[in-house]
């Protein structure tokens, strides 16, 4: 069964950096748009960034623009989230998600993504 597995979370100080990775075990990875979502305690799951199947189109939430970079390596069935200049409000569980989508139109809503990882915790201390 196809799975997504995140890694790279941890504890970092304000202003620090982390790189999250998400590996897919399936053969259909190249057919997916991929996204990173996050969910803070008592918060809703919100999109952070998304990337098209080719990697040529990306989307970022306003709160992370200029600080986070999403990328993918289709040869490795992996998607990444480079997070720089981290702030305490970035603390959350981060999830990667996949949507069957071979267009350049990226979805921002969680309901469009059908496959999810288990999440990785990111904690930014002040």
Foldseek 3Di string as FASTA:
>chain_A
DKAKAKDWADEAAQQAKIKMKIAIPDPCLLQWKKFKWWAAVVGDIFTAKIAASVRPAMDGDPVQPPFWDWGADNVRRMIMIIGGRDDQVVWTWMKMFIARHRDNDDDGDPVRTDHIHPTDTHGYHD
